[in-house]
Amino acid sequence: MRLLQRLKTEQRGFALVLALGVTMVLSMTVVTVIESTTANQRTAVQSKNRVSSYTLAEAGINLAASVIRATSTPTYANLLPPTTTTYDNGFVVWSGTLDDAQPNTNCPGYVACWMLTSTGHIRNPTGGRDVMRTVTARVPVDAIYSQKLVNNVYDYVFVYGTNDPSGCDFSNANNSSFGSRLYVQGNLCLSGSTAITSEVDVWGHAVLANPSSIGQKSGNTITNDTAGVHIAGGCSTVAAGPFTPWACGTAQAVYANPVADATPTSLTAPDVTGSAQGWYKQASPGPFSPCKTSSGLPSNTSNWATAFDNDIPAGTAPTSAYMNRSIGSAFDLTPSSGAYSCRTSYGELSWDPSAKDANSNVIPTLTIKGTVFIDGNARIAPSNVQLIRYVGVGTLYISGSFVLKGTKLCAAYVFSSKDCDWSTPGTGHWDVSQNFLQLVAGVVGGGGQSETPDSSTSVELSSAGYQGGITANLKTDIGSSTTTQGPLVQRSMTLGQSLVTKGFGTLTDVPTATPDNPIAAFKVKPPTFYSG
């Protein structure tokens, strides 16, 4: 009994129990804190990795966009294959798919849209799967159909060859009339009833055999002077000279007010080959941009797949290495066989011999929009078609020769007279901002057609009328009386018959692929429509 009472009042060992309890509670608290801290650290690392992987994904989008901006061929469908870029903390895989369907639903209002995808990978420090984030974006692409004129030679009839063995770098013995500005880098030789009634710049000398003249005079009165006469090497009425600088006046059949001077404008011939090499890769339709929709058949190969070039191996990335005049037959742009069309998202080449204008007049119509490149010869020489209208702002590059014969190719026309409207471009007449065709021919070689007299002939004009620009890499030959309005740029010009050039003012905007303009057919916009 006493033992039970003693045990009931005994307190020895209580401190130990209490200590054990406190220790257990503290241990549990420490474990909880440690686990909580570890979890927070793990969450923080995961959150940081997710942010880092998103940053890598954004970097991939920017890399893809920079490739599109930097390339000369931003509409090449295989431009952005899956590509991996490695960084210190991970890597990113980026790629792009081109959508050039029309109308474009991914980038409404644009001609094309790059759909970019980029996935950033951050290595998991504890092992296991990488932390990944995927970002998508769209890059709109728009077409450029006109640019500001870069080389002012396109304000002239410009002949830039020099040192011809005959002593005449540009000669005319027919009844020609130059109402547009004339620029000759070498010597100018005129005879017959040739008259120049606009600005003339000559860096060599000028021979004006009677009755040719610069300006016009009736009695003692100058009836039609020029807008400026600038002849560096002097003038004479005979080929033997003498040629004295500043000696270009009435005694030499030069009628100018103010008087002629010896300081021609300084201009540089365009780099036709360099421009052609760039546009060979970008033209659409062209060697690397086939028809997206088509009708009819091309006359040169009867197959649209080979109409613009027929020796490029499948899968070849855009290159000028195959610009070699590979197509043997000439592309008849206005065939009697009927209509045709070839359209891409960016350009068009089509012919409709039964088209009607706003007044319901049947007017055969050639449409050229954007830049078109034919790796061969081309021609417009229809039978019994007096007048052809062309529509669009564009450039046609032809690696071989070009022939325009027996018809008038007009941007503005007078239907009743079946002729071009030769009034100075402006309101109610030729609107160069709406319809302007630039022809560039002979970039690989000339000749090769029945009308071309030799292999140096890039452009042959015969019994023709033409509104627009012409650039001949070698020679322009006038086989029979022709009238033009617009810039004519060539190394040399032969006038077998008369040439009449109509004034066309000063050009500001020209087709985008005019030689020496930047080789930029497209405007690439910044990435937009981000998601992820």
Protein backbone atom coordinates (compact mmCIF):
# COMPACT_ATOMS: atom_id res chain seq x y z
CA MET A 1 0.00 0.00 0.00
CA ARG A 2 2.81 2.34 0.94
CA LEU A 3 4.56 1.37 -2.35
CA LEU A 4 1.55 2.41 -4.42
CA GLN A 5 1.28 5.71 -2.59
CA ARG A 6 5.00 6.38 -3.19
CA LEU A 7 4.73 5.60 -6.89
CA LYS A 8 1.71 7.86 -7.16
CA THR A 9 3.60 10.83 -5.80
CA GLU A 10 6.97 10.06 -7.45
CA GLN A 11 7.97 12.58 -10.28
CA ARG A 12 11.35 11.26 -11.26
CA GLY A 13 11.63 10.64 -15.14
CA PHE A 14 9.05 13.28 -16.12
CA ALA A 15 11.72 15.61 -17.48
CA LEU A 16 12.95 12.86 -19.77
CA VAL A 17 9.51 12.30 -21.20
CA LEU A 18 9.05 16.01 -21.69
CA ALA A 19 12.44 16.30 -23.36
CA LEU A 20 11.65 13.46 -25.70
CA GLY A 21 8.36 15.10 -26.65
CA VAL A 22 9.96 18.45 -27.31
CA THR A 23 12.69 16.81 -29.36
CA MET A 24 10.16 15.01 -31.46
CA VAL A 25 8.20 18.21 -32.09
CA LEU A 26 11.35 20.15 -32.99
CA SER A 27 12.52 17.34 -35.29
CA MET A 28 9.22 17.34 -37.10
CA THR A 29 9.37 21.11 -37.45
CA VAL A 30 12.89 21.00 -38.86
CA VAL A 31 11.92 18.29 -41.34
CA THR A 32 8.89 20.29 -42.39
CA VAL A 33 10.96 23.41 -42.86
CA ILE A 34 13.60 21.53 -44.84
CA GLU A 35 10.99 19.87 -47.04
CA SER A 36 9.22 23.18 -47.58
CA THR A 37 12.48 24.93 -48.44
CA THR A 38 13.46 22.13 -50.85
CA ALA A 39 10.06 22.27 -52.51
CA ASN A 40 10.29 26.03 -52.85
CA GLN A 41 13.77 25.73 -54.33
CA ARG A 42 12.55 23.06 -56.73
CA THR A 43 9.60 25.24 -57.74
CA ALA A 44 11.88 28.23 -58.21
CA VAL A 45 14.26 26.24 -60.40
CA GLN A 46 11.39 24.89 -62.48
CA SER A 47 9.93 28.37 -62.85
CA LYS A 48 13.33 29.75 -63.86
CA ASN A 49 13.80 26.93 -66.37
CA ARG A 50 10.38 27.59 -67.89
CA VAL A 51 11.24 31.26 -68.28
CA SER A 52 14.64 30.37 -69.74
CA SER A 53 13.12 27.91 -72.20
CA TYR A 54 10.61 30.58 -73.31
CA THR A 55 13.46 33.05 -73.77
CA LEU A 56 15.28 30.50 -75.94
CA ALA A 57 12.10 29.92 -77.95
CA GLU A 58 11.77 33.67 -78.55
CA ALA A 59 15.41 33.75 -79.64
CA GLY A 60 14.61 31.05 -82.21
CA ILE A 61 11.75 33.16 -83.60
CA ASN A 62 14.11 36.10 -83.92
CA LEU A 63 16.73 33.94 -85.65
CA ALA A 64 14.19 32.73 -88.18
CA ALA A 65 12.92 36.27 -88.82
CA SER A 66 16.47 37.52 -89.33
CA VAL A 67 17.07 34.85 -92.00
CA ILE A 68 13.94 35.97 -93.86
CA ARG A 69 14.99 39.62 -93.67
CA ALA A 70 18.58 38.97 -94.75
CA THR A 71 18.00 36.64 -97.70
CA SER A 72 17.56 37.78 -101.29
CA THR A 73 14.91 35.07 -101.75
CA PRO A 74 12.42 35.48 -98.88
CA THR A 75 9.74 33.47 -100.66
CA TYR A 76 11.86 30.36 -101.23
CA ALA A 77 9.72 27.62 -99.63
CA ASN A 78 12.73 25.64 -98.29
CA LEU A 79 14.37 28.66 -96.70
CA LEU A 80 13.71 27.63 -93.07
CA PRO A 81 14.26 23.89 -92.48
CA PRO A 82 14.43 22.70 -88.83
CA THR A 83 17.59 24.24 -87.38
CA THR A 84 19.18 23.79 -83.94
CA THR A 85 21.05 26.60 -82.21
CA THR A 86 22.93 25.77 -78.99
CA TYR A 87 23.44 28.09 -76.00
CA ASP A 88 25.24 27.64 -72.65
CA ASN A 89 22.10 26.65 -70.78
CA GLY A 90 20.27 24.74 -73.50
CA PHE A 91 19.29 24.82 -77.14
CA VAL A 92 16.46 25.90 -79.45
CA VAL A 93 15.00 24.21 -82.54
CA TRP A 94 13.36 26.62 -85.01
CA SER A 95 11.79 26.32 -88.45
CA GLY A 96 9.27 27.95 -90.77
CA THR A 97 6.61 27.08 -93.33
CA LEU A 98 5.67 29.44 -96.15
CA ASP A 99 2.00 30.04 -96.86
CA ASP A 100 1.49 31.95 -100.11
CA ALA A 101 -2.12 30.99 -100.76
CA GLN A 102 -4.39 33.76 -102.00
CA PRO A 103 -6.27 35.19 -100.26
CA ASN A 104 -3.91 34.66 -97.36
CA THR A 105 -5.83 33.78 -94.20
CA ASN A 106 -2.82 33.53 -91.90
CA CYS A 107 -1.60 37.05 -92.73
CA PRO A 108 -4.68 38.76 -94.20
CA GLY A 109 -3.92 41.44 -96.76
CA TYR A 110 -0.43 40.15 -97.57
CA VAL A 111 0.85 38.07 -100.47
CA ALA A 112 2.60 35.54 -98.22
CA CYS A 113 3.04 34.53 -94.61
CA TRP A 114 5.85 32.67 -92.86
CA MET A 115 4.55 30.42 -90.06
CA LEU A 116 7.39 30.19 -87.55
CA THR A 117 7.76 27.56 -84.80
CA SER A 118 10.48 27.58 -82.14
CA THR A 119 10.99 25.26 -79.15
CA GLY A 120 13.42 26.15 -76.38
CA HIS A 121 15.06 23.31 -74.39
CA ILE A 122 16.59 23.77 -70.90
CA ARG A 123 18.45 20.79 -69.45
CA ASN A 124 16.92 19.41 -66.24
CA PRO A 125 19.62 19.60 -63.50
CA THR A 126 18.08 16.62 -61.71
CA GLY A 127 17.88 14.53 -64.85
CA GLY A 128 14.79 13.50 -66.71
CA ARG A 129 13.14 15.38 -69.56
CA ASP A 130 14.27 18.81 -70.66
CA VAL A 131 12.10 21.76 -69.72
CA MET A 132 10.55 22.91 -73.01
CA ARG A 133 8.49 25.87 -74.22
CA THR A 134 7.19 26.32 -77.78
CA VAL A 135 6.46 29.70 -79.35
CA THR A 136 4.83 30.34 -82.72
CA ALA A 137 4.70 33.56 -84.72
CA ARG A 138 3.85 34.80 -88.20
CA VAL A 139 5.92 37.01 -90.49
CA PRO A 140 3.89 38.81 -93.17
CA VAL A 141 5.51 39.34 -96.59
CA ASP A 142 4.32 41.90 -99.11
CA ALA A 143 5.28 42.38 -102.76
CA ILE A 144 7.07 45.49 -104.05
CA TYR A 145 6.07 46.39 -107.60
CA SER A 146 7.75 49.79 -107.91
CA GLN A 147 10.69 51.62 -106.38
CA LYS A 148 12.21 55.06 -106.55
CA LEU A 149 14.51 55.41 -109.55
CA VAL A 150 18.15 54.89 -108.54
CA ASN A 151 20.08 55.43 -111.80
CA ASN A 152 19.06 58.54 -113.74
CA VAL A 153 20.13 57.04 -117.07
CA TYR A 154 16.49 55.97 -117.22
CA ASP A 155 15.48 59.56 -117.88
CA TYR A 156 17.22 59.37 -121.28
CA VAL A 157 17.78 57.60 -124.51
CA PHE A 158 21.17 56.49 -123.20
CA VAL A 159 23.96 55.04 -125.37
CA TYR A 160 27.03 54.22 -123.32
CA GLY A 161 29.41 52.41 -125.68
CA THR A 162 32.65 54.19 -126.63
CA ASN A 163 35.63 53.81 -128.98
CA ASP A 164 33.73 52.41 -131.95
CA PRO A 165 36.25 51.85 -134.81
CA SER A 166 34.10 53.98 -137.14
CA GLY A 167 34.56 56.97 -134.89
CA CYS A 168 30.80 57.12 -134.29
CA ASP A 169 29.47 55.51 -131.12
CA PHE A 170 25.94 56.54 -132.02
CA SER A 171 25.05 57.37 -135.60
CA ASN A 172 21.87 58.05 -137.51
CA ALA A 173 21.51 58.61 -141.24
CA ASN A 174 17.72 58.59 -141.36
CA ASN A 175 14.92 61.01 -140.73
CA SER A 176 14.80 60.49 -136.98
CA SER A 177 13.47 62.84 -134.36
CA PHE A 178 14.50 62.82 -130.71
CA GLY A 179 11.86 64.48 -128.55
CA SER A 180 13.21 62.78 -125.46
CA ARG A 181 16.54 63.51 -123.84
CA LEU A 182 19.57 61.94 -125.54
CA TYR A 183 22.79 60.95 -123.79
CA VAL A 184 25.83 59.60 -125.66
CA GLN A 185 28.88 58.50 -123.71
CA GLY A 186 31.07 58.53 -126.84
CA ASN A 187 30.78 60.31 -130.21
CA LEU A 188 27.50 61.36 -131.86
CA CYS A 189 27.17 61.33 -135.68
CA LEU A 190 24.02 62.63 -137.38
CA SER A 191 23.09 62.98 -141.03
CA GLY A 192 19.89 63.12 -143.05
CA SER A 193 16.92 65.04 -141.70
CA THR A 194 17.63 64.13 -138.10
CA ALA A 195 16.55 66.60 -135.44
CA ILE A 196 17.15 66.63 -131.70
CA THR A 197 14.69 68.90 -129.92
CA SER A 198 15.28 67.98 -126.29
CA GLU A 199 18.28 67.95 -123.97
CA VAL A 200 21.42 66.33 -125.39
CA ASP A 201 24.56 65.29 -123.49
CA VAL A 202 27.62 64.04 -125.39
CA TRP A 203 30.96 63.20 -123.79
CA GLY A 204 32.76 62.80 -127.11
CA HIS A 205 32.30 65.04 -130.14
CA ALA A 206 29.29 65.57 -132.43
CA VAL A 207 29.21 65.46 -136.24
CA LEU A 208 26.12 67.11 -137.74
CA ALA A 209 26.19 66.61 -141.50
CA ASN A 210 23.73 68.76 -143.44
CA PRO A 211 20.71 68.83 -143.06
CA SER A 212 20.76 67.30 -139.55
CA SER A 213 20.59 69.63 -136.58
CA ILE A 214 20.31 70.02 -132.88
CA GLY A 215 17.40 72.35 -132.30
CA GLN A 216 15.64 73.99 -135.24
CA LYS A 217 15.91 77.35 -136.98
CA SER A 218 13.81 79.30 -139.45
CA GLY A 219 15.75 82.16 -140.97
CA ASN A 220 17.47 83.91 -138.10
CA THR A 221 14.96 82.67 -135.55
CA ILE A 222 15.40 79.59 -133.38
CA THR A 223 11.98 77.98 -133.62
CA ASN A 224 12.62 74.93 -131.49
CA ASP A 225 15.65 75.08 -129.25
CA THR A 226 16.57 72.34 -126.81
CA ALA A 227 16.35 71.98 -123.07
CA GLY A 228 20.14 72.12 -122.92
CA VAL A 229 23.07 71.18 -125.15
CA HIS A 230 26.17 69.80 -123.41
CA ILE A 231 28.89 68.47 -125.74
CA ALA A 232 32.34 67.96 -124.22
CA GLY A 233 34.36 67.34 -127.41
CA GLY A 234 33.02 70.05 -129.69
CA CYS A 235 31.01 69.95 -132.93
CA SER A 236 31.59 69.92 -136.66
CA THR A 237 29.58 69.47 -139.86
CA VAL A 238 32.18 67.03 -141.26
CA ALA A 239 33.61 63.85 -139.81
CA ALA A 240 37.19 65.09 -140.08
CA GLY A 241 36.52 68.04 -137.79
CA PRO A 242 38.06 70.12 -136.43
CA PHE A 243 36.39 69.62 -133.06
CA THR A 244 36.91 72.47 -130.64
CA PRO A 245 35.33 72.32 -127.20
CA TRP A 246 32.68 75.02 -126.83
CA ALA A 247 32.46 75.29 -130.64
CA CYS A 248 28.85 74.16 -130.96
CA GLY A 249 26.74 76.95 -132.43
CA THR A 250 24.78 77.94 -135.50
CA ALA A 251 27.81 77.36 -137.74
CA GLN A 252 27.69 73.71 -136.66
CA ALA A 253 23.86 73.49 -136.94
CA VAL A 254 23.37 73.67 -133.20
CA TYR A 255 20.52 75.99 -132.28
CA ALA A 256 20.38 76.28 -128.53
CA ASN A 257 19.25 78.92 -126.11
CA PRO A 258 21.11 79.20 -123.81
CA VAL A 259 24.14 78.43 -125.93
CA ALA A 260 25.74 74.99 -125.81
CA ASP A 261 28.35 74.22 -123.17
CA ALA A 262 31.01 71.52 -122.73
CA THR A 263 29.81 70.09 -119.41
CA PRO A 264 27.55 67.05 -119.90
CA THR A 265 25.75 65.52 -116.97
CA SER A 266 27.78 62.74 -115.36
CA LEU A 267 25.98 59.39 -115.46
CA THR A 268 27.07 55.75 -115.10
CA ALA A 269 25.87 52.84 -117.20
CA PRO A 270 23.74 50.32 -115.28
CA ASP A 271 25.09 46.94 -114.21
CA VAL A 272 22.66 44.92 -116.30
CA THR A 273 24.31 41.55 -115.71
CA GLY A 274 24.51 42.02 -111.94
CA SER A 275 20.86 43.03 -111.76
CA ALA A 276 19.83 40.10 -113.96
CA GLN A 277 21.67 37.63 -111.74
CA GLY A 278 19.76 38.86 -108.72
CA TRP A 279 16.36 38.92 -110.39
CA TYR A 280 16.89 35.50 -111.95
CA LYS A 281 16.58 34.17 -108.39
CA GLN A 282 13.65 36.35 -107.31
CA ALA A 283 11.47 36.63 -110.44
CA SER A 284 7.94 35.32 -110.00
CA PRO A 285 6.95 33.79 -112.36
CA GLY A 286 10.51 32.77 -113.05
CA PRO A 287 13.08 29.97 -112.89
CA PHE A 288 12.60 29.37 -109.15
CA SER A 289 8.97 30.44 -108.86
CA PRO A 290 6.69 28.37 -111.12
CA CYS A 291 3.07 29.12 -111.89
CA LYS A 292 0.72 28.63 -108.95
CA THR A 293 -2.24 28.64 -111.33
CA SER A 294 -2.06 28.47 -115.13
CA SER A 295 -4.11 28.11 -118.27
CA GLY A 296 -3.21 27.57 -121.89
CA LEU A 297 0.35 26.64 -122.80
CA PRO A 298 3.56 28.63 -123.37
CA SER A 299 4.71 28.72 -126.98
CA ASN A 300 8.38 28.05 -126.26
CA THR A 301 8.19 24.67 -124.49
CA SER A 302 4.44 23.85 -124.33
CA ASN A 303 5.02 23.15 -120.63
CA TRP A 304 4.79 25.76 -117.88
CA ALA A 305 7.28 23.79 -115.76
CA THR A 306 10.03 24.58 -118.29
CA ALA A 307 8.72 27.84 -119.77
CA PHE A 308 11.09 30.07 -117.79
CA ASP A 309 14.12 27.78 -117.52
CA ASN A 310 14.57 24.14 -118.48
CA ASP A 311 17.85 22.94 -116.99
CA ILE A 312 17.62 23.55 -113.22
CA PRO A 313 17.94 20.27 -111.25
CA ALA A 314 15.02 19.55 -108.94
CA GLY A 315 15.53 20.78 -105.38
CA THR A 316 18.16 23.38 -106.29
CA ALA A 317 18.21 26.43 -104.04
CA PRO A 318 17.96 29.79 -105.88
CA THR A 319 21.22 30.55 -107.69
CA SER A 320 22.18 32.41 -110.86
CA ALA A 321 24.44 29.53 -111.97
CA TYR A 322 21.80 28.30 -114.44
CA MET A 323 21.18 31.68 -116.12
CA ASN A 324 22.47 30.41 -119.45
CA ARG A 325 19.80 30.98 -122.12
CA SER A 326 18.73 27.39 -121.69
CA ILE A 327 15.50 27.55 -123.72
CA GLY A 328 16.11 27.20 -127.45
CA SER A 329 12.74 28.38 -128.79
CA ALA A 330 11.51 31.96 -128.46
CA PHE A 331 8.60 32.65 -126.10
CA ASP A 332 5.88 34.23 -128.27
CA LEU A 333 4.23 36.53 -125.75
CA THR A 334 1.24 37.27 -128.02
CA PRO A 335 0.56 34.01 -129.90
CA SER A 336 -2.20 33.59 -132.43
CA SER A 337 -3.01 30.22 -130.86
CA GLY A 338 -5.03 31.86 -128.09
CA ALA A 339 -4.97 33.01 -124.48
CA TYR A 340 -2.67 31.81 -121.73
CA SER A 341 -1.93 32.75 -118.14
CA CYS A 342 0.65 32.00 -115.47
CA ARG A 343 0.06 33.43 -112.02
CA THR A 344 1.90 33.25 -108.72
CA SER A 345 1.06 34.96 -105.46
CA TYR A 346 3.46 37.72 -106.44
CA GLY A 347 3.23 38.17 -110.19
CA GLU A 348 1.56 37.36 -113.46
CA LEU A 349 2.23 36.83 -117.16
CA SER A 350 -0.91 36.45 -119.26
CA TRP A 351 -2.30 37.11 -122.73
CA ASP A 352 -5.91 37.60 -123.72
CA PRO A 353 -6.45 38.38 -127.42
CA SER A 354 -10.19 38.92 -126.85
CA ALA A 355 -10.06 41.27 -123.87
CA LYS A 356 -12.34 44.30 -123.76
CA ASP A 357 -11.62 47.73 -122.32
CA ALA A 358 -13.95 49.94 -120.27
CA ASN A 359 -15.67 51.06 -123.46
CA SER A 360 -16.29 47.45 -124.58
CA ASN A 361 -13.69 47.75 -127.33
CA VAL A 362 -11.92 44.48 -128.08
CA ILE A 363 -8.27 45.20 -127.32
CA PRO A 364 -5.74 42.34 -127.15
CA THR A 365 -4.14 42.61 -123.71
CA LEU A 366 -0.79 41.48 -122.31
CA THR A 367 -0.53 41.49 -118.51
CA ILE A 368 2.85 41.61 -116.79
CA LYS A 369 2.82 42.16 -113.05
CA GLY A 370 5.93 42.00 -110.89
CA THR A 371 9.16 40.56 -112.28
CA VAL A 372 9.21 37.79 -114.89
CA PHE A 373 12.38 36.07 -116.12
CA ILE A 374 12.64 34.00 -119.32
CA ASP A 375 15.96 32.17 -119.80
CA GLY A 376 15.82 32.41 -123.57
CA ASN A 377 14.47 34.61 -126.39
CA ALA A 378 11.08 36.33 -126.48
CA ARG A 379 9.06 38.14 -129.11
CA ILE A 380 5.92 40.14 -129.82
CA ALA A 381 5.20 39.94 -133.54
CA PRO A 382 1.53 39.08 -134.10
CA SER A 383 -0.01 38.94 -137.55
CA ASN A 384 -2.56 41.65 -138.35
CA VAL A 385 -2.75 43.02 -134.80
CA GLN A 386 -2.17 46.76 -134.98
CA LEU A 387 -2.57 47.57 -131.31
CA ILE A 388 -1.83 45.69 -128.08
CA ARG A 389 -2.55 47.06 -124.65
CA TYR A 390 -0.38 46.05 -121.72
CA VAL A 391 -1.52 46.14 -118.14
CA GLY A 392 0.53 46.17 -114.93
CA VAL A 393 3.74 47.49 -113.44
CA GLY A 394 6.47 44.95 -114.09
CA THR A 395 9.81 44.00 -115.57
CA LEU A 396 10.46 41.28 -118.12
CA TYR A 397 14.03 39.92 -118.07
CA ILE A 398 15.08 37.99 -121.16
CA SER A 399 18.46 36.26 -121.20
CA GLY A 400 18.43 36.19 -125.01
CA SER A 401 17.08 38.61 -127.61
CA PHE A 402 13.74 40.40 -127.79
CA VAL A 403 11.83 41.29 -130.96
CA LEU A 404 8.92 43.75 -131.26
CA LYS A 405 7.63 43.83 -134.80
CA GLY A 406 4.60 45.04 -136.73
CA THR A 407 2.46 46.26 -133.85
CA LYS A 408 2.17 48.92 -131.18
CA LEU A 409 2.52 47.90 -127.54
CA CYS A 410 0.91 50.66 -125.49
CA ALA A 411 0.19 51.53 -121.89
CA ALA A 412 -2.22 54.29 -123.03
CA TYR A 413 -3.84 54.25 -126.43
CA VAL A 414 -6.22 55.95 -128.85
CA PHE A 415 -8.47 53.12 -130.00
CA SER A 416 -9.87 54.91 -133.03
CA SER A 417 -6.44 55.39 -134.57
CA LYS A 418 -5.02 52.09 -133.29
CA ASP A 419 -2.05 53.94 -131.85
CA CYS A 420 -0.45 54.79 -128.53
CA ASP A 421 -1.39 58.01 -126.79
CA TRP A 422 1.93 59.77 -127.24
CA SER A 423 1.07 62.74 -125.01
CA THR A 424 3.45 63.40 -122.15
CA PRO A 425 2.60 61.01 -119.29
CA GLY A 426 0.12 62.48 -116.85
CA THR A 427 -3.55 62.72 -116.00
CA GLY A 428 -5.72 61.37 -118.78
CA HIS A 429 -2.76 59.90 -120.63
CA TRP A 430 -0.07 57.35 -119.77
CA ASP A 431 -0.12 56.83 -116.01
CA VAL A 432 3.31 55.34 -115.26
CA SER A 433 2.26 54.51 -111.70
CA GLN A 434 -0.39 52.08 -112.99
CA ASN A 435 1.06 50.65 -116.19
CA PHE A 436 4.80 50.58 -116.80
CA LEU A 437 6.68 47.75 -118.51
CA GLN A 438 10.47 47.57 -118.33
CA LEU A 439 12.08 45.19 -120.85
CA VAL A 440 15.63 43.98 -120.15
CA ALA A 441 17.11 41.80 -122.89
CA GLY A 442 20.34 40.19 -123.99
CA VAL A 443 21.68 39.58 -120.49
CA VAL A 444 23.45 36.40 -121.70
CA GLY A 445 23.62 37.06 -125.45
CA GLY A 446 21.78 38.41 -128.47
CA GLY A 447 20.61 37.34 -131.90
CA GLY A 448 19.06 33.95 -132.53
CA GLN A 449 15.84 35.18 -134.18
CA SER A 450 15.10 35.74 -137.87
CA GLU A 451 14.77 39.50 -137.41
CA THR A 452 17.99 40.03 -135.42
CA PRO A 453 20.84 40.95 -137.78
CA ASP A 454 23.67 39.59 -135.62
CA SER A 455 24.56 38.03 -132.29
CA SER A 456 25.14 41.42 -130.67
CA THR A 457 21.50 42.45 -131.14
CA SER A 458 19.71 42.37 -127.81
CA VAL A 459 16.59 44.23 -128.95
CA GLU A 460 15.10 44.46 -132.44
CA LEU A 461 12.37 47.06 -133.10
CA SER A 462 10.76 46.96 -136.52
CA SER A 463 7.67 48.87 -137.69
CA ALA A 464 6.73 49.15 -134.05
CA GLY A 465 5.43 51.48 -131.39
CA TYR A 466 6.27 51.07 -127.73
CA GLN A 467 5.55 52.84 -124.46
CA GLY A 468 7.76 51.75 -121.58
CA GLY A 469 11.41 51.16 -120.81
CA ILE A 470 13.96 49.11 -122.76
CA THR A 471 17.40 48.05 -121.58
CA ALA A 472 19.58 46.25 -124.13
CA ASN A 473 22.68 44.68 -122.62
CA LEU A 474 24.35 44.94 -126.02
CA LYS A 475 22.69 46.61 -129.03
CA THR A 476 19.28 47.98 -129.96
CA ASP A 477 18.59 47.77 -133.69
CA ILE A 478 15.86 49.76 -135.43
CA GLY A 479 15.10 47.60 -138.45
CA SER A 480 12.17 49.70 -139.69
CA SER A 481 10.48 52.95 -138.69
CA THR A 482 9.61 52.89 -134.99
CA THR A 483 8.21 55.25 -132.36
CA THR A 484 8.99 54.92 -128.67
CA GLN A 485 8.14 56.75 -125.46
CA GLY A 486 10.21 55.91 -122.43
CA PRO A 487 13.84 55.25 -121.50
CA LEU A 488 16.03 53.39 -124.02
CA VAL A 489 19.29 52.24 -122.47
CA GLN A 490 21.87 50.29 -124.49
CA ARG A 491 25.56 49.86 -125.15
CA SER A 492 25.02 50.74 -128.81
CA MET A 493 22.16 51.60 -131.15
CA THR A 494 21.83 51.04 -134.89
CA LEU A 495 19.21 52.99 -136.82
CA GLY A 496 18.55 51.19 -140.09
CA GLN A 497 15.36 53.24 -140.39
CA SER A 498 13.93 56.26 -138.65
CA LEU A 499 13.33 56.40 -134.93
CA VAL A 500 10.99 58.90 -133.29
CA THR A 501 11.29 59.23 -129.51
CA LYS A 502 8.54 61.05 -127.64
CA GLY A 503 9.15 63.04 -124.48
CA PHE A 504 8.29 61.27 -121.23
CA GLY A 505 9.34 63.76 -118.58
CA THR A 506 11.35 62.83 -115.50
CA LEU A 507 10.69 59.48 -113.88
CA THR A 508 10.37 59.14 -110.10
CA ASP A 509 8.95 55.65 -109.59
CA VAL A 510 9.86 52.76 -111.89
CA PRO A 511 9.23 49.01 -111.93
CA THR A 512 11.07 47.50 -108.99
CA ALA A 513 13.42 45.36 -111.10
CA THR A 514 14.73 48.25 -113.21
CA PRO A 515 18.51 47.63 -113.44
CA ASP A 516 20.57 49.13 -110.59
CA ASN A 517 17.55 49.34 -108.29
CA PRO A 518 17.92 47.32 -105.07
CA ILE A 519 17.11 43.67 -105.69
CA ALA A 520 14.13 43.61 -103.37
CA ALA A 521 10.86 42.22 -104.65
CA PHE A 522 9.39 41.81 -101.18
CA LYS A 523 8.95 43.73 -97.96
CA VAL A 524 9.31 41.56 -94.85
CA LYS A 525 7.36 42.70 -91.80
CA PRO A 526 8.33 42.08 -88.14
CA PRO A 527 7.05 38.88 -86.46
CA THR A 528 3.53 39.13 -85.13
CA PHE A 529 0.70 36.95 -83.79
CA TYR A 530 2.90 35.43 -81.06
CA SER A 531 1.52 32.48 -79.12
CA GLY A 532 2.95 30.05 -76.58
